[in-house]
Amino acid sequence: MRRLAPWQWLLLLLALSVALVEGFRLWLGLVWAERVALLLLALTLWAFINGRFVFAYYHALLTSWRTQDLPLWPEPKGEHLLLLAPHPDDEVLAAAGLIQRTLQAGGRVSVVYLTSGDAFDLAAGGPLPSKAAMRRLALRRMVEARRGMEALGVGRESLYFLGFPDQGLFPLFTTHYYLPYESPYTGLRAVAYPGCYRVGLPYTGKALEETLLALFRALRPSRILLPSPLDAHRDHQATAHFGMQAAAALGLEDRLLYYLIHGGYQYPLPKGLHPRLLLYPPPRGRGLPWHRFPLTPEEVALKERAIRAHRSQVRLLGRFLLAFVRRNELFSPLPIPARLPPEEEGWAVLEGGEVF
C-alpha cells in the first residue's frame, strides 16, 4: 500500500474537519424526530452490514459456555490411533491436536484416505476443468496431505491413500457395491494414482470394504477415529458406514470414535481464524455424548500450520478450514444419539401410547 505524502495528509485532515463541522451544524438544525429517524437509519445500515458477524460471535460465545461443561476425553497413552479421512484435510480439521498428543505419549498414528479429493473442480483451476486436470488435482492433494502430516510428526509410511472416487463413496455403498462406478470428474473406473495402497482396484463398494478389512487386520489399531454418519457430506456418511461395517466384522466396535466436520448451518461460527475460541458441538450432532479434548497453544499453532499445508483448499475455503483451529477438539464415542424420538426410529405412536 502506497504511503501518503505530507500534503495529502493535510488535505485529508482538512476534508475530515469540514465534514465534522458541517455534520454537527446539520445535526443542530434538525428537530428531535429527524434526529431519531437519522439514528435509526444509521443503526439499520450498520446492522445490515455487520449483523451476521455480530450473530456469529454471539453464537460462538454462547456455545462456548456450554462447551466448557462437556466431559474431557482421556489422554492417549501409547495407543495406535487409526484415522479414516474421506478427503485429504479432514484428518487435520478433526484431530490434529489428538494426533500430536498421541505421538507425544509414545503412541502411533496411521491415516487412511478413502479418496484423494479429485472432484473439487474449482481447486483444479476453473468451473469446467478437464478430467486430466482433476486427476492432477488428486496428486497435488496427496502431496499436501503428506506435508500436513509431516508438520504434525507423522511419516509417509503411516499414510494410506486408497484412491477411490471423491463424491462417489455413497454410490459405492449403495448402487455400486458390485458394479464398478465411473467418476464423472476423472473418467476413472479403478484406482489409478501412483502412491495409492492398491492400484487397479475397481471402484466398487466391495473392493473398498475388503481394503479396509485388510488394513484393520494388518494395522491392529487400538482406536479408530472416523466421521459420524450424521455428517451432512455424503462422502463422510459413506466413510462412517464403511468403517463401522468393517469394524463390526472384526469385533472392533468398542474401539470406534467419531468426529463431525459438516455439522449444519454455517458450522462452525464465526468463520476464519479464531484460535482463542472454543469449538462447540455441531447442530447435526445434537444429542451425541460429546467429549472435549483441550489443546495447548503450541498444539493449536501446529494445527493451523498443518491445515495451511493444504494450499489448494485454503485458497478457496480458508475461512471454513481455519475455523476449526480452536482451543479444543470434539469427539463422540457414539455414532448417533443413544435415544431417538419414536418417529425417527420408524415407529408409529398412537395417542393412547400403543406402538406397532
Protein backbone atom coordinates (compact mmCIF):
# COMPACT_ATOMS: atom_id res chain seq x y z
CA MET A 1 0.00 0.00 0.00
CA ARG A 2 1.43 3.40 -1.01
CA ARG A 3 2.16 5.84 1.83
CA LEU A 4 0.53 9.27 1.71
CA ALA A 5 2.68 12.37 1.23
CA PRO A 6 2.52 15.12 3.93
CA TRP A 7 0.42 17.41 1.73
CA GLN A 8 -2.04 14.58 1.12
CA TRP A 9 -2.40 14.06 4.86
CA LEU A 10 -3.08 17.77 5.26
CA LEU A 11 -5.85 17.72 2.63
CA LEU A 12 -7.36 14.64 4.24
CA LEU A 13 -7.43 16.27 7.69
CA LEU A 14 -8.98 19.44 6.26
CA ALA A 15 -11.69 17.41 4.50
CA LEU A 16 -12.48 15.49 7.69
CA SER A 17 -12.64 18.73 9.71
CA VAL A 18 -15.06 20.32 7.25
CA ALA A 19 -17.20 17.16 7.21
CA LEU A 20 -17.40 17.09 11.03
CA VAL A 21 -18.29 20.78 11.29
CA GLU A 22 -20.96 20.55 8.60
CA GLY A 23 -22.35 17.38 10.10
CA PHE A 24 -22.57 18.94 13.57
CA ARG A 25 -24.24 22.08 12.13
CA LEU A 26 -26.76 19.94 10.25
CA TRP A 27 -27.47 17.91 13.40
CA LEU A 28 -28.23 21.07 15.42
CA GLY A 29 -30.65 22.25 12.74
CA LEU A 30 -32.76 19.09 12.90
CA VAL A 31 -35.83 18.57 15.09
CA TRP A 32 -35.78 15.66 17.55
CA ALA A 33 -37.90 13.39 15.30
CA GLU A 34 -35.50 13.87 12.40
CA ARG A 35 -32.57 13.06 14.68
CA VAL A 36 -34.23 9.85 15.88
CA ALA A 37 -35.02 8.84 12.28
CA LEU A 38 -31.43 9.53 11.23
CA LEU A 39 -30.06 7.46 14.11
CA LEU A 40 -32.41 4.57 13.30
CA LEU A 41 -31.35 4.71 9.65
CA ALA A 42 -27.68 4.63 10.61
CA LEU A 43 -28.28 1.76 13.05
CA THR A 44 -30.19 -0.20 10.41
CA LEU A 45 -27.40 0.30 7.89
CA TRP A 46 -24.80 -0.81 10.43
CA ALA A 47 -26.83 -3.91 11.36
CA PHE A 48 -27.31 -4.80 7.69
CA ILE A 49 -23.56 -4.68 7.11
CA ASN A 50 -22.35 -6.22 10.38
CA GLY A 51 -25.32 -8.23 11.65
CA ARG A 52 -24.07 -11.63 10.57
CA PHE A 53 -20.69 -11.04 12.19
CA VAL A 54 -22.31 -9.94 15.46
CA PHE A 55 -24.55 -13.02 15.41
CA ALA A 56 -21.58 -15.29 14.68
CA TYR A 57 -19.60 -14.02 17.66
CA TYR A 58 -22.66 -14.06 19.92
CA HIS A 59 -23.37 -17.65 18.91
CA ALA A 60 -19.74 -18.70 19.44
CA LEU A 61 -19.52 -17.12 22.88
CA LEU A 62 -22.88 -18.56 23.98
CA THR A 63 -21.99 -22.08 22.89
CA SER A 64 -18.50 -21.78 24.42
CA TRP A 65 -20.08 -21.65 27.87
CA ARG A 66 -21.83 -24.94 27.16
CA THR A 67 -18.68 -26.49 25.70
CA GLN A 68 -16.76 -25.85 28.93
CA ASP A 69 -19.13 -28.21 30.75
CA LEU A 70 -18.50 -31.15 28.41
CA PRO A 71 -16.54 -34.09 29.87
CA LEU A 72 -12.88 -34.34 28.91
CA TRP A 73 -11.66 -37.05 26.57
CA PRO A 74 -8.93 -39.04 28.36
CA GLU A 75 -5.30 -38.51 27.48
CA PRO A 76 -3.95 -41.04 24.95
CA LYS A 77 -1.46 -43.47 26.46
CA GLY A 78 0.70 -45.22 23.91
CA GLU A 79 -2.22 -46.27 21.73
CA HIS A 80 -2.32 -46.83 17.99
CA LEU A 81 -4.73 -44.30 16.53
CA LEU A 82 -6.12 -45.09 13.06
CA LEU A 83 -7.92 -42.18 11.42
CA LEU A 84 -10.29 -42.53 8.45
CA ALA A 85 -10.41 -39.40 6.27
CA PRO A 86 -12.88 -39.16 3.38
CA HIS A 87 -10.67 -36.47 1.78
CA PRO A 88 -7.21 -35.05 2.38
CA ASP A 89 -7.60 -32.30 5.05
CA ASP A 90 -10.39 -33.96 7.07
CA GLU A 91 -7.79 -35.57 9.32
CA VAL A 92 -6.19 -32.28 10.39
CA LEU A 93 -9.52 -30.47 10.75
CA ALA A 94 -10.86 -33.14 13.08
CA ALA A 95 -7.88 -34.34 15.07
CA ALA A 96 -4.57 -32.53 14.53
CA GLY A 97 -4.34 -31.98 18.29
CA LEU A 98 -5.18 -35.58 19.17
CA ILE A 99 -2.62 -36.76 16.63
CA GLN A 100 0.10 -34.64 18.25
CA ARG A 101 -0.79 -35.76 21.78
CA THR A 102 -0.87 -39.43 20.75
CA LEU A 103 2.64 -39.19 19.31
CA GLN A 104 3.90 -37.29 22.36
CA ALA A 105 2.61 -40.09 24.59
CA GLY A 106 4.65 -42.63 22.65
CA GLY A 107 1.77 -43.85 20.54
CA ARG A 108 1.40 -44.44 16.84
CA VAL A 109 -0.81 -42.73 14.27
CA SER A 110 -1.98 -44.07 10.90
CA VAL A 111 -4.22 -42.23 8.44
CA VAL A 112 -6.33 -43.85 5.72
CA TYR A 113 -7.58 -41.51 2.97
CA LEU A 114 -10.53 -43.06 1.18
CA THR A 115 -10.37 -40.54 -1.69
CA SER A 116 -7.75 -38.14 -2.99
CA GLY A 117 -10.19 -35.26 -3.35
CA ASP A 118 -10.42 -35.41 -7.14
CA ALA A 119 -13.89 -33.84 -7.53
CA PHE A 120 -13.33 -30.24 -6.41
CA ASP A 121 -13.47 -28.55 -9.80
CA LEU A 122 -12.66 -25.00 -8.64
CA ALA A 123 -9.48 -26.23 -6.93
CA ALA A 124 -8.39 -27.70 -10.27
CA GLY A 125 -8.29 -24.30 -11.90
CA GLY A 126 -11.79 -23.44 -13.07
CA PRO A 127 -15.50 -24.31 -13.12
CA LEU A 128 -15.13 -26.71 -16.08
CA PRO A 129 -11.71 -28.37 -15.76
CA SER A 130 -10.68 -31.31 -17.90
CA LYS A 131 -10.61 -34.83 -16.49
CA ALA A 132 -6.83 -34.74 -16.73
CA ALA A 133 -6.79 -31.58 -14.58
CA MET A 134 -8.92 -33.31 -11.95
CA ARG A 135 -6.52 -36.25 -11.86
CA ARG A 136 -3.59 -33.83 -11.42
CA LEU A 137 -5.51 -32.23 -8.55
CA ALA A 138 -5.66 -35.61 -6.81
CA LEU A 139 -1.88 -35.96 -6.97
CA ARG A 140 -1.46 -32.43 -5.65
CA ARG A 141 -3.79 -33.07 -2.73
CA MET A 142 -1.90 -36.24 -1.84
CA VAL A 143 1.31 -34.19 -1.66
CA GLU A 144 -0.44 -31.59 0.52
CA ALA A 145 -1.69 -34.32 2.85
CA ARG A 146 1.84 -35.67 3.29
CA ARG A 147 3.14 -32.19 4.09
CA GLY A 148 0.38 -31.58 6.61
CA MET A 149 1.07 -34.86 8.37
CA GLU A 150 4.81 -34.23 8.35
CA ALA A 151 4.14 -30.96 10.17
CA LEU A 152 2.45 -33.00 12.92
CA GLY A 153 5.20 -35.62 13.03
CA VAL A 154 3.50 -38.43 11.08
CA GLY A 155 5.74 -40.09 8.49
CA ARG A 156 4.73 -41.01 4.95
CA GLU A 157 4.92 -44.71 5.77
CA SER A 158 1.89 -44.25 8.04
CA LEU A 159 -0.32 -42.70 5.33
CA TYR A 160 -2.52 -44.94 3.19
CA PHE A 161 -4.17 -43.43 0.11
CA LEU A 162 -6.90 -45.70 -1.22
CA GLY A 163 -7.71 -43.55 -4.27
CA PHE A 164 -11.46 -44.19 -4.51
CA PRO A 165 -13.66 -41.55 -6.19
CA ASP A 166 -14.36 -38.23 -4.48
CA GLN A 167 -18.14 -37.55 -4.44
CA GLY A 168 -18.59 -41.23 -5.24
CA LEU A 169 -18.32 -43.06 -1.92
CA PHE A 170 -22.05 -43.04 -1.26
CA PRO A 171 -22.87 -44.67 -4.62
CA LEU A 172 -20.20 -47.27 -3.82
CA PHE A 173 -22.04 -48.05 -0.59
CA THR A 174 -25.44 -48.28 -2.27
CA THR A 175 -25.86 -48.82 -6.04
CA HIS A 176 -22.25 -49.69 -6.93
CA TYR A 177 -21.31 -52.23 -4.30
CA TYR A 178 -20.60 -54.80 -7.04
CA LEU A 179 -20.96 -52.80 -10.26
CA PRO A 180 -17.92 -50.54 -10.97
CA TYR A 181 -18.60 -46.82 -10.67
CA GLU A 182 -17.22 -44.33 -13.20
CA SER A 183 -16.26 -40.95 -11.78
CA PRO A 184 -17.83 -38.12 -13.83
CA TYR A 185 -14.95 -35.87 -12.71
CA THR A 186 -11.94 -38.01 -13.68
CA GLY A 187 -13.40 -40.64 -16.01
CA LEU A 188 -11.74 -43.35 -13.90
CA ARG A 189 -13.34 -46.68 -13.01
CA ALA A 190 -10.48 -48.02 -10.90
CA VAL A 191 -7.75 -46.81 -8.54
CA ALA A 192 -5.06 -45.29 -10.75
CA TYR A 193 -2.97 -42.76 -8.79
CA PRO A 194 0.70 -43.58 -8.11
CA GLY A 195 1.33 -43.99 -4.41
CA CYS A 196 -2.07 -45.49 -3.65
CA TYR A 197 -2.35 -48.56 -1.45
CA ARG A 198 -3.59 -50.92 -4.18
CA VAL A 199 -3.56 -49.55 -7.71
CA GLY A 200 -6.01 -51.22 -10.07
CA LEU A 201 -8.83 -51.94 -7.62
CA PRO A 202 -12.23 -51.35 -9.24
CA TYR A 203 -14.43 -48.56 -7.96
CA THR A 204 -16.82 -50.83 -6.08
CA GLY A 205 -18.05 -50.86 -2.53
CA LYS A 206 -16.91 -54.45 -2.14
CA ALA A 207 -13.31 -53.55 -3.09
CA LEU A 208 -13.30 -50.63 -0.66
CA GLU A 209 -14.72 -52.72 2.17
CA GLU A 210 -12.21 -55.52 1.62
CA THR A 211 -9.37 -52.97 1.59
CA LEU A 212 -10.50 -51.54 4.93
CA LEU A 213 -10.76 -55.03 6.40
CA ALA A 214 -7.21 -55.82 5.25
CA LEU A 215 -5.87 -52.59 6.74
CA PHE A 216 -7.68 -53.09 10.04
CA ARG A 217 -6.25 -56.59 10.32
CA ALA A 218 -2.72 -55.51 9.39
CA LEU A 219 -2.55 -52.33 11.50
CA ARG A 220 -4.43 -53.65 14.56
CA PRO A 221 -5.36 -50.18 15.88
CA SER A 222 -6.41 -49.66 19.48
CA ARG A 223 -8.56 -46.66 18.47
CA ILE A 224 -10.33 -45.93 15.16
CA LEU A 225 -11.42 -42.33 14.54
CA LEU A 226 -13.95 -41.87 11.73
CA PRO A 227 -16.68 -39.46 10.62
CA SER A 228 -20.09 -39.52 12.23
CA PRO A 229 -22.90 -40.80 9.97
CA LEU A 230 -24.74 -37.58 10.93
CA ASP A 231 -22.31 -35.52 8.83
CA ALA A 232 -24.02 -33.55 6.05
CA HIS A 233 -21.48 -34.63 3.39
CA ARG A 234 -22.34 -37.87 1.58
CA ASP A 235 -18.70 -38.98 1.37
CA HIS A 236 -18.41 -38.61 5.16
CA GLN A 237 -21.63 -40.57 5.69
CA ALA A 238 -20.37 -43.38 3.46
CA THR A 239 -16.99 -43.41 5.21
CA ALA A 240 -18.80 -43.83 8.52
CA HIS A 241 -20.85 -46.75 7.20
CA PHE A 242 -17.88 -48.49 5.57
CA GLY A 243 -15.76 -48.00 8.69
CA MET A 244 -18.43 -49.21 11.11
CA GLN A 245 -19.19 -52.22 8.92
CA ALA A 246 -15.53 -53.25 8.69
CA ALA A 247 -15.00 -52.75 12.43
CA ALA A 248 -18.11 -54.80 13.25
CA ALA A 249 -16.90 -57.65 11.04
CA LEU A 250 -13.70 -57.83 13.12
CA GLY A 251 -15.30 -57.22 16.51
CA LEU A 252 -13.74 -53.76 16.91
CA GLU A 253 -16.91 -51.75 17.60
CA ASP A 254 -15.69 -50.72 21.07
CA ARG A 255 -12.65 -49.00 19.51
CA LEU A 256 -14.61 -46.55 17.37
CA LEU A 257 -14.60 -42.79 17.99
CA TYR A 258 -16.42 -40.22 15.85
CA TYR A 259 -15.87 -36.67 14.58
CA LEU A 260 -18.11 -34.31 12.62
CA ILE A 261 -16.95 -31.73 10.06
CA HIS A 262 -20.01 -30.67 8.05
CA GLY A 263 -22.12 -30.10 11.11
CA GLY A 264 -25.02 -27.99 9.93
CA TYR A 265 -25.84 -24.41 9.00
CA GLN A 266 -22.64 -22.32 8.82
CA TYR A 267 -20.82 -24.60 11.30
CA PRO A 268 -18.51 -23.61 12.88
CA LEU A 269 -19.16 -19.93 13.61
CA PRO A 270 -17.53 -17.49 13.36
CA LYS A 271 -15.65 -18.26 10.16
CA GLY A 272 -11.95 -17.51 9.91
CA LEU A 273 -9.07 -17.96 12.32
CA HIS A 274 -10.11 -17.66 15.99
CA PRO A 275 -7.64 -19.78 17.99
CA ARG A 276 -8.82 -18.44 21.37
CA LEU A 277 -12.41 -19.58 20.93
CA LEU A 278 -13.77 -23.00 21.86
CA LEU A 279 -15.12 -25.36 19.23
CA TYR A 280 -18.75 -26.10 20.10
CA PRO A 281 -20.83 -29.21 19.30
CA PRO A 282 -22.31 -29.04 15.78
CA PRO A 283 -26.07 -28.71 15.28
CA ARG A 284 -26.26 -32.01 13.37
CA GLY A 285 -24.61 -33.72 16.34
CA ARG A 286 -27.28 -32.67 18.82
CA GLY A 287 -27.86 -35.42 21.37
CA LEU A 288 -24.46 -37.05 20.94
CA PRO A 289 -22.32 -37.54 24.07
CA TRP A 290 -19.56 -35.13 23.02
CA HIS A 291 -16.20 -35.09 24.80
CA ARG A 292 -13.87 -32.11 24.81
CA PHE A 293 -10.17 -32.53 24.07
CA PRO A 294 -8.33 -29.32 25.09
CA LEU A 295 -5.24 -28.24 23.15
CA THR A 296 -2.18 -26.29 24.25
CA PRO A 297 -1.28 -23.05 22.42
CA GLU A 298 1.60 -24.89 20.75
CA GLU A 299 -0.72 -27.63 19.51
CA VAL A 300 -3.17 -25.04 18.20
CA ALA A 301 -0.39 -23.28 16.28
CA LEU A 302 0.80 -26.57 14.79
CA LYS A 303 -2.75 -27.47 13.80
CA GLU A 304 -3.00 -24.20 11.88
CA ARG A 305 0.27 -24.97 10.12
CA ALA A 306 -0.95 -28.45 9.14
CA ILE A 307 -4.20 -27.03 7.74
CA ARG A 308 -2.37 -24.37 5.74
CA ALA A 309 -0.32 -27.14 4.11
CA HIS A 310 -3.48 -27.92 2.11
CA ARG A 311 -2.95 -24.88 -0.09
CA SER A 312 -5.35 -25.88 -2.87
CA GLN A 313 -8.17 -25.94 -0.30
CA VAL A 314 -7.15 -22.97 1.85
CA ARG A 315 -7.06 -20.79 -1.27
CA LEU A 316 -10.81 -21.30 -1.75
CA LEU A 317 -12.14 -22.49 1.62
CA GLY A 318 -9.69 -20.86 4.02
CA ARG A 319 -12.29 -19.23 6.27
CA PHE A 320 -14.10 -22.55 6.71
CA LEU A 321 -10.98 -24.65 7.27
CA LEU A 322 -9.29 -22.23 9.67
CA ALA A 323 -12.48 -22.01 11.75
CA PHE A 324 -11.51 -25.45 13.14
CA VAL A 325 -8.34 -24.01 14.68
CA ARG A 326 -9.72 -23.63 18.20
CA ARG A 327 -8.71 -24.37 21.79
CA ASN A 328 -10.21 -27.84 21.67
CA GLU A 329 -11.40 -30.71 19.50
CA LEU A 330 -14.61 -32.68 19.89
CA PHE A 331 -15.16 -36.44 19.74
CA SER A 332 -18.12 -38.71 20.39
CA PRO A 333 -17.99 -42.39 21.39
CA LEU A 334 -21.39 -42.93 19.72
CA PRO A 335 -22.31 -42.50 16.03
CA ILE A 336 -25.90 -41.41 16.74
CA PRO A 337 -27.72 -40.33 19.91
CA ALA A 338 -28.46 -43.15 22.34
CA ARG A 339 -32.16 -42.21 22.34
CA LEU A 340 -34.09 -41.04 19.30
CA PRO A 341 -37.64 -39.76 19.08
CA PRO A 342 -40.00 -42.65 18.20
CA GLU A 343 -40.80 -41.17 14.79
CA GLU A 344 -37.09 -41.24 13.90
CA GLU A 345 -36.83 -44.89 14.93
CA GLY A 346 -39.54 -45.82 12.43
CA TRP A 347 -42.29 -46.41 14.96
CA ALA A 348 -45.81 -45.08 14.76
CA VAL A 349 -47.01 -43.90 18.18
CA LEU A 350 -50.73 -43.52 18.80
CA GLU A 351 -52.32 -41.16 21.29
CA GLY A 352 -53.06 -43.97 23.67
CA GLY A 353 -49.43 -44.98 23.81
CA GLU A 354 -49.86 -48.06 21.64
CA VAL A 355 -46.83 -48.76 19.45
CA PHE A 356 -46.86 -51.01 16.41
